[in-house]
C-alpha atoms as a PDB file:
ATOM      1  CA  MET A   1       0.000   0.000   0.000  1.00  0.00           C
ATOM      2  CA  LYS A   2       1.053   3.576  -0.645  1.00  0.00           C
ATOM      3  CA  LEU A   3      -0.271   6.545   1.316  1.00  0.00           C
ATOM      4  CA  TYR A   4      -0.206   9.980  -0.271  1.00  0.00           C
ATOM      5  CA  SER A   5       0.031  12.166   2.779  1.00  0.00           C
ATOM      6  CA  TYR A   6       1.053  15.519   4.216  1.00  0.00           C
ATOM      7  CA  TRP A   7       2.697  15.511   7.612  1.00  0.00           C
ATOM      8  CA  ARG A   8       0.337  18.018   9.239  1.00  0.00           C
ATOM      9  CA  SER A   9      -2.881  16.955   7.518  1.00  0.00           C
ATOM     10  CA  SER A  10      -5.267  15.713  10.201  1.00  0.00           C
ATOM     11  CA  CYS A  11      -7.123  13.552   7.683  1.00  0.00           C
ATOM     12  CA  SER A  12      -3.885  11.855   6.637  1.00  0.00           C
ATOM     13  CA  TRP A  13      -2.937  11.487  10.299  1.00  0.00           C
ATOM     14  CA  ARG A  14      -6.144   9.537  10.988  1.00  0.00           C
ATOM     15  CA  VAL A  15      -5.271   7.012   8.302  1.00  0.00           C
ATOM     16  CA  ARG A  16      -1.695   6.677   9.525  1.00  0.00           C
ATOM     17  CA  ILE A  17      -2.962   5.828  13.012  1.00  0.00           C
ATOM     18  CA  ALA A  18      -5.354   3.187  11.671  1.00  0.00           C
ATOM     19  CA  LEU A  19      -2.703   1.583   9.469  1.00  0.00           C
ATOM     20  CA  ASN A  20      -0.370   1.414  12.462  1.00  0.00           C
ATOM     21  CA  LEU A  21      -3.006   0.008  14.803  1.00  0.00           C
ATOM     22  CA  LYS A  22      -3.814  -2.727  12.307  1.00  0.00           C
ATOM     23  CA  GLY A  23      -0.149  -3.514  11.742  1.00  0.00           C
ATOM     24  CA  LEU A  24      -0.256  -2.736   8.022  1.00  0.00           C
ATOM     25  CA  SER A  25       2.895  -1.706   6.204  1.00  0.00           C
ATOM     26  CA  TYR A  26       2.772   1.082   3.645  1.00  0.00           C
ATOM     27  CA  SER A  27       5.032   3.428   1.753  1.00  0.00           C
ATOM     28  CA  TYR A  28       4.739   7.160   2.323  1.00  0.00           C
ATOM     29  CA  GLU A  29       4.412   9.583  -0.593  1.00  0.00           C
ATOM     30  CA  ALA A  30       4.576  13.201   0.535  1.00  0.00           C
ATOM     31  CA  VAL A  31       2.258  15.757  -1.063  1.00  0.00           C
ATOM     32  CA  HIS A  32       3.210  19.249   0.097  1.00  0.00           C
ATOM     33  CA  LEU A  33       0.054  21.320   0.440  1.00  0.00           C
ATOM     34  CA  VAL A  34       1.832  24.694   0.309  1.00  0.00           C
ATOM     35  CA  LYS A  35       5.041  24.345  -1.710  1.00  0.00           C
ATOM     36  CA  ASP A  36       4.865  25.056  -5.449  1.00  0.00           C
ATOM     37  CA  GLY A  37       1.396  26.475  -5.034  1.00  0.00           C
ATOM     38  CA  GLY A  38       0.276  23.239  -3.417  1.00  0.00           C
ATOM     39  CA  GLN A  39       1.445  19.980  -4.974  1.00  0.00           C
ATOM     40  CA  GLN A  40      -2.098  18.635  -4.634  1.00  0.00           C
ATOM     41  CA  ASN A  41      -3.049  21.025  -7.429  1.00  0.00           C
ATOM     42  CA  SER A  42      -0.634  19.505  -9.955  1.00  0.00           C
ATOM     43  CA  ASP A  43      -1.990  17.678 -12.974  1.00  0.00           C
ATOM     44  CA  ALA A  44      -0.211  14.516 -11.852  1.00  0.00           C
ATOM     45  CA  TYR A  45      -1.855  14.449  -8.443  1.00  0.00           C
ATOM     46  CA  ARG A  46      -5.228  15.576  -9.755  1.00  0.00           C
ATOM     47  CA  ALA A  47      -5.197  12.475 -11.957  1.00  0.00           C
ATOM     48  CA  LEU A  48      -4.922  10.380  -8.784  1.00  0.00           C
ATOM     49  CA  ASN A  49      -7.395  12.380  -6.717  1.00  0.00           C
ATOM     50  CA  PRO A  50      -9.683  14.832  -8.532  1.00  0.00           C
ATOM     51  CA  MET A  51     -10.604  16.532  -5.240  1.00  0.00           C
ATOM     52  CA  ARG A  52      -6.945  17.527  -4.807  1.00  0.00           C
ATOM     53  CA  THR A  53      -6.888  16.514  -1.174  1.00  0.00           C
ATOM     54  CA  VAL A  54      -4.926  14.150   1.029  1.00  0.00           C
ATOM     55  CA  PRO A  55      -4.933  11.373   1.959  1.00  0.00           C
ATOM     56  CA  THR A  56      -5.104   9.044  -0.999  1.00  0.00           C
ATOM     57  CA  LEU A  57      -4.518   5.355  -0.359  1.00  0.00           C
ATOM     58  CA  GLU A  58      -3.215   3.305  -3.269  1.00  0.00           C
ATOM     59  CA  LEU A  59      -3.524  -0.467  -3.051  1.00  0.00           C
ATOM     60  CA  GLU A  60      -3.748  -3.589  -5.152  1.00  0.00           C
ATOM     61  CA  GLU A  61      -6.997  -5.555  -5.232  1.00  0.00           C
ATOM     62  CA  GLY A  62      -7.770  -8.317  -7.718  1.00  0.00           C
ATOM     63  CA  GLY A  63      -4.490  -7.735  -9.521  1.00  0.00           C
ATOM     64  CA  GLN A  64      -5.342  -4.091 -10.209  1.00  0.00           C
ATOM     65  CA  VAL A  65      -4.205  -0.837  -8.639  1.00  0.00           C
ATOM     66  CA  ARG A  66      -7.041   0.842  -6.783  1.00  0.00           C
ATOM     67  CA  ARG A  67      -7.168   4.225  -5.105  1.00  0.00           C
ATOM     68  CA  LEU A  68      -9.318   5.539  -2.293  1.00  0.00           C
ATOM     69  CA  SER A  69      -9.590   9.108  -1.077  1.00  0.00           C
ATOM     70  CA  GLN A  70     -11.473  10.695   1.842  1.00  0.00           C
ATOM     71  CA  SER A  71     -10.325   9.525   5.250  1.00  0.00           C
ATOM     72  CA  VAL A  72     -13.702   8.127   6.350  1.00  0.00           C
ATOM     73  CA  ALA A  73     -13.971   5.924   3.265  1.00  0.00           C
ATOM     74  CA  ILE A  74     -10.386   4.732   3.731  1.00  0.00           C
ATOM     75  CA  LEU A  75     -10.924   3.970   7.410  1.00  0.00           C
ATOM     76  CA  GLU A  76     -14.144   2.070   6.693  1.00  0.00           C
ATOM     77  CA  TYR A  77     -12.333   0.051   4.031  1.00  0.00           C
ATOM     78  CA  LEU A  78      -9.501  -0.809   6.405  1.00  0.00           C
ATOM     79  CA  GLU A  79     -11.984  -1.816   9.092  1.00  0.00           C
ATOM     80  CA  GLU A  80     -13.857  -4.141   6.743  1.00  0.00           C
ATOM     81  CA  ARG A  81     -10.777  -5.535   4.994  1.00  0.00           C
ATOM     82  CA  TYR A  82      -8.643  -5.920   8.133  1.00  0.00           C
ATOM     83  CA  PRO A  83     -11.131  -6.302  11.002  1.00  0.00           C
ATOM     84  CA  THR A  84      -8.569  -6.989  13.751  1.00  0.00           C
ATOM     85  CA  PRO A  85      -8.115  -5.069  15.929  1.00  0.00           C
ATOM     86  CA  ALA A  86     -11.607  -3.677  15.561  1.00  0.00           C
ATOM     87  CA  LEU A  87     -12.006   0.090  15.570  1.00  0.00           C
ATOM     88  CA  LEU A  88     -15.791  -0.125  15.817  1.00  0.00           C
ATOM     89  CA  PRO A  89     -17.678  -2.062  18.509  1.00  0.00           C
ATOM     90  CA  ALA A  90     -20.018  -4.954  17.678  1.00  0.00           C
ATOM     91  CA  ASP A  91     -23.071  -3.412  19.338  1.00  0.00           C
ATOM     92  CA  PRO A  92     -25.068  -1.426  16.730  1.00  0.00           C
ATOM     93  CA  LEU A  93     -25.889   1.470  19.049  1.00  0.00           C
ATOM     94  CA  LEU A  94     -22.303   1.788  20.239  1.00  0.00           C
ATOM     95  CA  ARG A  95     -21.080   1.631  16.635  1.00  0.00           C
ATOM     96  CA  ALA A  96     -23.414   4.508  15.829  1.00  0.00           C
ATOM     97  CA  ARG A  97     -22.196   6.460  18.868  1.00  0.00           C
ATOM     98  CA  ILE A  98     -18.561   6.078  17.847  1.00  0.00           C
ATOM     99  CA  ARG A  99     -19.363   7.096  14.287  1.00  0.00           C
ATOM    100  CA  MET A 100     -21.258  10.078  15.722  1.00  0.00           C
ATOM    101  CA  LEU A 101     -18.235  11.205  17.740  1.00  0.00           C
ATOM    102  CA  ALA A 102     -15.998  10.812  14.714  1.00  0.00           C
ATOM    103  CA  GLU A 103     -18.399  12.776  12.528  1.00  0.00           C
ATOM    104  CA  MET A 104     -18.551  15.623  15.042  1.00  0.00           C
ATOM    105  CA  VAL A 105     -14.904  16.145  14.162  1.00  0.00           C
ATOM    106  CA  ASN A 106     -15.037  15.104  10.523  1.00  0.00           C
ATOM    107  CA  SER A 107     -17.990  17.241   9.466  1.00  0.00           C
ATOM    108  CA  GLY A 108     -18.377  19.714  12.327  1.00  0.00           C
ATOM    109  CA  ILE A 109     -14.847  20.992  12.933  1.00  0.00           C
ATOM    110  CA  GLN A 110     -12.114  19.875  10.554  1.00  0.00           C
ATOM    111  CA  PRO A 111     -13.595  21.124   7.244  1.00  0.00           C
ATOM    112  CA  LEU A 112     -13.867  24.609   8.735  1.00  0.00           C
ATOM    113  CA  GLN A 113     -10.130  24.745   9.434  1.00  0.00           C
ATOM    114  CA  ASN A 114      -9.132  23.137   6.147  1.00  0.00           C
ATOM    115  CA  LEU A 115      -6.292  24.952   4.377  1.00  0.00           C
ATOM    116  CA  SER A 116      -8.331  25.743   1.264  1.00  0.00           C
ATOM    117  CA  VAL A 117     -11.174  27.151   3.374  1.00  0.00           C
ATOM    118  CA  LEU A 118      -8.849  29.331   5.444  1.00  0.00           C
ATOM    119  CA  GLN A 119      -7.095  30.582   2.321  1.00  0.00           C
ATOM    120  CA  PHE A 120     -10.493  31.660   0.968  1.00  0.00           C
ATOM    121  CA  VAL A 121     -11.490  33.333   4.266  1.00  0.00           C
ATOM    122  CA  LYS A 122      -8.219  35.279   4.413  1.00  0.00           C
ATOM    123  CA  GLY A 123      -7.642  35.971   0.725  1.00  0.00           C
ATOM    124  CA  GLU A 124     -11.087  36.387  -0.799  1.00  0.00           C
ATOM    125  CA  LEU A 125     -13.142  37.518   2.188  1.00  0.00           C
ATOM    126  CA  GLN A 126     -10.332  39.497   3.844  1.00  0.00           C
ATOM    127  CA  ARG A 127     -11.221  38.108   7.259  1.00  0.00           C
ATOM    128  CA  ASP A 128      -9.210  36.678  10.150  1.00  0.00           C
ATOM    129  CA  ASP A 129      -8.692  33.052   9.164  1.00  0.00           C
ATOM    130  CA  LYS A 130      -7.254  31.998  12.533  1.00  0.00           C
ATOM    131  CA  ALA A 131     -10.182  33.483  14.468  1.00  0.00           C
ATOM    132  CA  PHE A 132     -12.546  31.713  12.078  1.00  0.00           C
ATOM    133  CA  ALA A 133     -10.863  28.354  12.675  1.00  0.00           C
ATOM    134  CA  ALA A 134     -10.682  28.890  16.440  1.00  0.00           C
ATOM    135  CA  HIS A 135     -14.399  29.686  16.619  1.00  0.00           C
ATOM    136  CA  TRP A 136     -15.420  26.423  14.984  1.00  0.00           C
ATOM    137  CA  ASN A 137     -12.945  24.442  17.057  1.00  0.00           C
ATOM    138  CA  VAL A 138     -14.418  25.829  20.281  1.00  0.00           C
ATOM    139  CA  ARG A 139     -17.966  25.183  19.137  1.00  0.00           C
ATOM    140  CA  GLY A 140     -17.226  21.629  18.064  1.00  0.00           C
ATOM    141  CA  LEU A 141     -14.985  20.625  20.956  1.00  0.00           C
ATOM    142  CA  THR A 142     -17.518  21.922  23.467  1.00  0.00           C
ATOM    143  CA  ALA A 143     -20.112  19.608  21.963  1.00  0.00           C
ATOM    144  CA  LEU A 144     -17.657  16.725  21.724  1.00  0.00           C
ATOM    145  CA  GLU A 145     -16.619  17.063  25.376  1.00  0.00           C
ATOM    146  CA  ALA A 146     -20.267  16.731  26.421  1.00  0.00           C
ATOM    147  CA  ALA A 147     -21.035  13.858  24.034  1.00  0.00           C
ATOM    148  CA  VAL A 148     -17.993  11.680  24.749  1.00  0.00           C
ATOM    149  CA  LYS A 149     -18.745  11.381  28.457  1.00  0.00           C
ATOM    150  CA  GLU A 150     -21.457   8.779  27.803  1.00  0.00           C
ATOM    151  CA  THR A 151     -18.929   6.181  26.614  1.00  0.00           C
ATOM    152  CA  ALA A 152     -15.576   7.448  27.889  1.00  0.00           C
ATOM    153  CA  GLY A 153     -13.148   5.434  29.948  1.00  0.00           C
ATOM    154  CA  THR A 154      -9.439   5.531  29.265  1.00  0.00           C
ATOM    155  CA  TYR A 155     -10.428   6.122  25.632  1.00  0.00           C
ATOM    156  CA  CYS A 156     -13.565   7.426  23.928  1.00  0.00           C
ATOM    157  CA  LEU A 157     -15.061   3.935  24.199  1.00  0.00           C
ATOM    158  CA  GLY A 158     -14.150   2.623  27.617  1.00  0.00           C
ATOM    159  CA  GLU A 159     -10.857   0.725  27.551  1.00  0.00           C
ATOM    160  CA  THR A 160     -10.803   0.087  23.801  1.00  0.00           C
ATOM    161  CA  VAL A 161      -9.247   2.317  21.170  1.00  0.00           C
ATOM    162  CA  SER A 162     -11.848   3.171  18.556  1.00  0.00           C
ATOM    163  CA  LEU A 163     -12.433   5.280  15.477  1.00  0.00           C
ATOM    164  CA  ALA A 164     -13.386   8.182  17.737  1.00  0.00           C
ATOM    165  CA  ASP A 165      -9.889   8.356  19.244  1.00  0.00           C
ATOM    166  CA  ILE A 166      -8.381   8.354  15.765  1.00  0.00           C
ATOM    167  CA  PHE A 167     -10.352  11.502  14.956  1.00  0.00           C
ATOM    168  CA  LEU A 168      -9.882  13.161  18.339  1.00  0.00           C
ATOM    169  CA  VAL A 169      -6.084  13.248  18.618  1.00  0.00           C
ATOM    170  CA  PRO A 170      -5.342  15.069  15.330  1.00  0.00           C
ATOM    171  CA  GLN A 171      -8.150  17.522  16.014  1.00  0.00           C
ATOM    172  CA  LEU A 172      -6.736  18.606  19.363  1.00  0.00           C
ATOM    173  CA  TYR A 173      -3.374  19.152  17.679  1.00  0.00           C
ATOM    174  CA  GLY A 174      -5.160  21.349  15.160  1.00  0.00           C
ATOM    175  CA  ALA A 175      -6.954  23.290  17.885  1.00  0.00           C
ATOM    176  CA  ARG A 176      -3.633  24.140  19.519  1.00  0.00           C
ATOM    177  CA  ARG A 177      -2.360  25.492  16.206  1.00  0.00           C
ATOM    178  CA  PHE A 178      -5.155  28.058  16.374  1.00  0.00           C
ATOM    179  CA  ALA A 179      -4.427  28.921  20.012  1.00  0.00           C
ATOM    180  CA  VAL A 180      -7.622  27.350  21.356  1.00  0.00           C
ATOM    181  CA  ASP A 181      -7.675  27.016  25.149  1.00  0.00           C
ATOM    182  CA  LEU A 182      -8.210  23.309  25.826  1.00  0.00           C
ATOM    183  CA  SER A 183      -8.700  23.576  29.585  1.00  0.00           C
ATOM    184  CA  PRO A 184     -12.524  23.423  29.214  1.00  0.00           C
ATOM    185  CA  TYR A 185     -12.155  19.923  27.713  1.00  0.00           C
ATOM    186  CA  PRO A 186     -10.625  17.752  30.456  1.00  0.00           C
ATOM    187  CA  THR A 187     -12.182  14.515  29.194  1.00  0.00           C
ATOM    188  CA  LEU A 188     -10.851  15.029  25.683  1.00  0.00           C
ATOM    189  CA  THR A 189      -7.342  15.953  26.788  1.00  0.00           C
ATOM    190  CA  ARG A 190      -7.228  13.030  29.229  1.00  0.00           C
ATOM    191  CA  ILE A 191      -8.127  10.623  26.415  1.00  0.00           C
ATOM    192  CA  GLU A 192      -5.568  12.293  24.150  1.00  0.00           C
ATOM    193  CA  ALA A 193      -2.835  11.749  26.762  1.00  0.00           C
ATOM    194  CA  ALA A 194      -3.732   8.046  26.993  1.00  0.00           C
ATOM    195  CA  CYS A 195      -3.624   7.650  23.203  1.00  0.00           C
ATOM    196  CA  GLU A 196      -0.257   9.366  22.985  1.00  0.00           C
ATOM    197  CA  LYS A 197       1.259   6.577  25.078  1.00  0.00           C
ATOM    198  CA  LEU A 198       0.467   4.032  22.364  1.00  0.00           C
ATOM    199  CA  PRO A 199       3.157   3.229  19.753  1.00  0.00           C
ATOM    200  CA  ALA A 200       0.665   3.370  16.869  1.00  0.00           C
ATOM    201  CA  PHE A 201      -0.262   6.948  17.742  1.00  0.00           C
ATOM    202  CA  GLN A 202       3.351   7.937  18.387  1.00  0.00           C
ATOM    203  CA  ALA A 203       4.519   6.664  15.006  1.00  0.00           C
ATOM    204  CA  ALA A 204       1.717   8.547  13.225  1.00  0.00           C
ATOM    205  CA  HIS A 205       2.527  11.913  14.810  1.00  0.00           C
ATOM    206  CA  PRO A 206       3.274  14.693  12.294  1.00  0.00           C
ATOM    207  CA  ASP A 207       6.734  15.355  13.694  1.00  0.00           C
ATOM    208  CA  ARG A 208       7.749  11.753  12.895  1.00  0.00           C
ATOM    209  CA  GLN A 209       6.803  11.885   9.219  1.00  0.00           C
ATOM    210  CA  PRO A 210       9.497  12.084   6.525  1.00  0.00           C
ATOM    211  CA  ASP A 211       8.168  15.407   5.203  1.00  0.00           C
ATOM    212  CA  ALA A 212       7.865  17.086   8.620  1.00  0.00           C
ATOM    213  CA  ALA A 213       9.069  20.687   8.721  1.00  0.00           C
ATOM    214  CA  PRO A 214      12.315  21.254  10.639  1.00  0.00           C
ATOM    215  CA  ALA A 215      11.787  22.172  14.296  1.00  0.00           C
END
């Protein structure tokens, strides 16, 4: 498998965590989202992913090269194709709850801090892009802090790492980039600290990727 990724992309980060948790090996193909006007906008990459986003997962199925984009679709594929360890619980209601927590990040926070969105807010609308991103982080994390308490233990789902944790950790990293005060979210930061002790999360961290910016 090959993962087209950018070190600081939260969507790519999610997939890296899942690949690590499931013990799957992959090669890393860096796509710089800023350099050269954004390498995702090149004709070569657009041919791989018409949305011009990361991640893209390239794999071989049935003797043919296949590509998947959008982190949720990739994560669902990995869960179905490589079910152990499971990232979704067996109970239907709990599965829905974990998907709900993940979607609170995926649709309620992350798209509103996406690079292309912030470039439009700053460049076209002439507004404060960082304040815009911080606002939606606060709104979303406040809701997530309240919602996660129903199932939280060491992780978002008791003592088992789930899809929700995979979405949570990159999002808190993103919130810090926009100077969001995380003290109102003690449950979320406690879960984050527990996840950061796990090798799969450590290996997926942006600073450990081959294209990471120098410190």
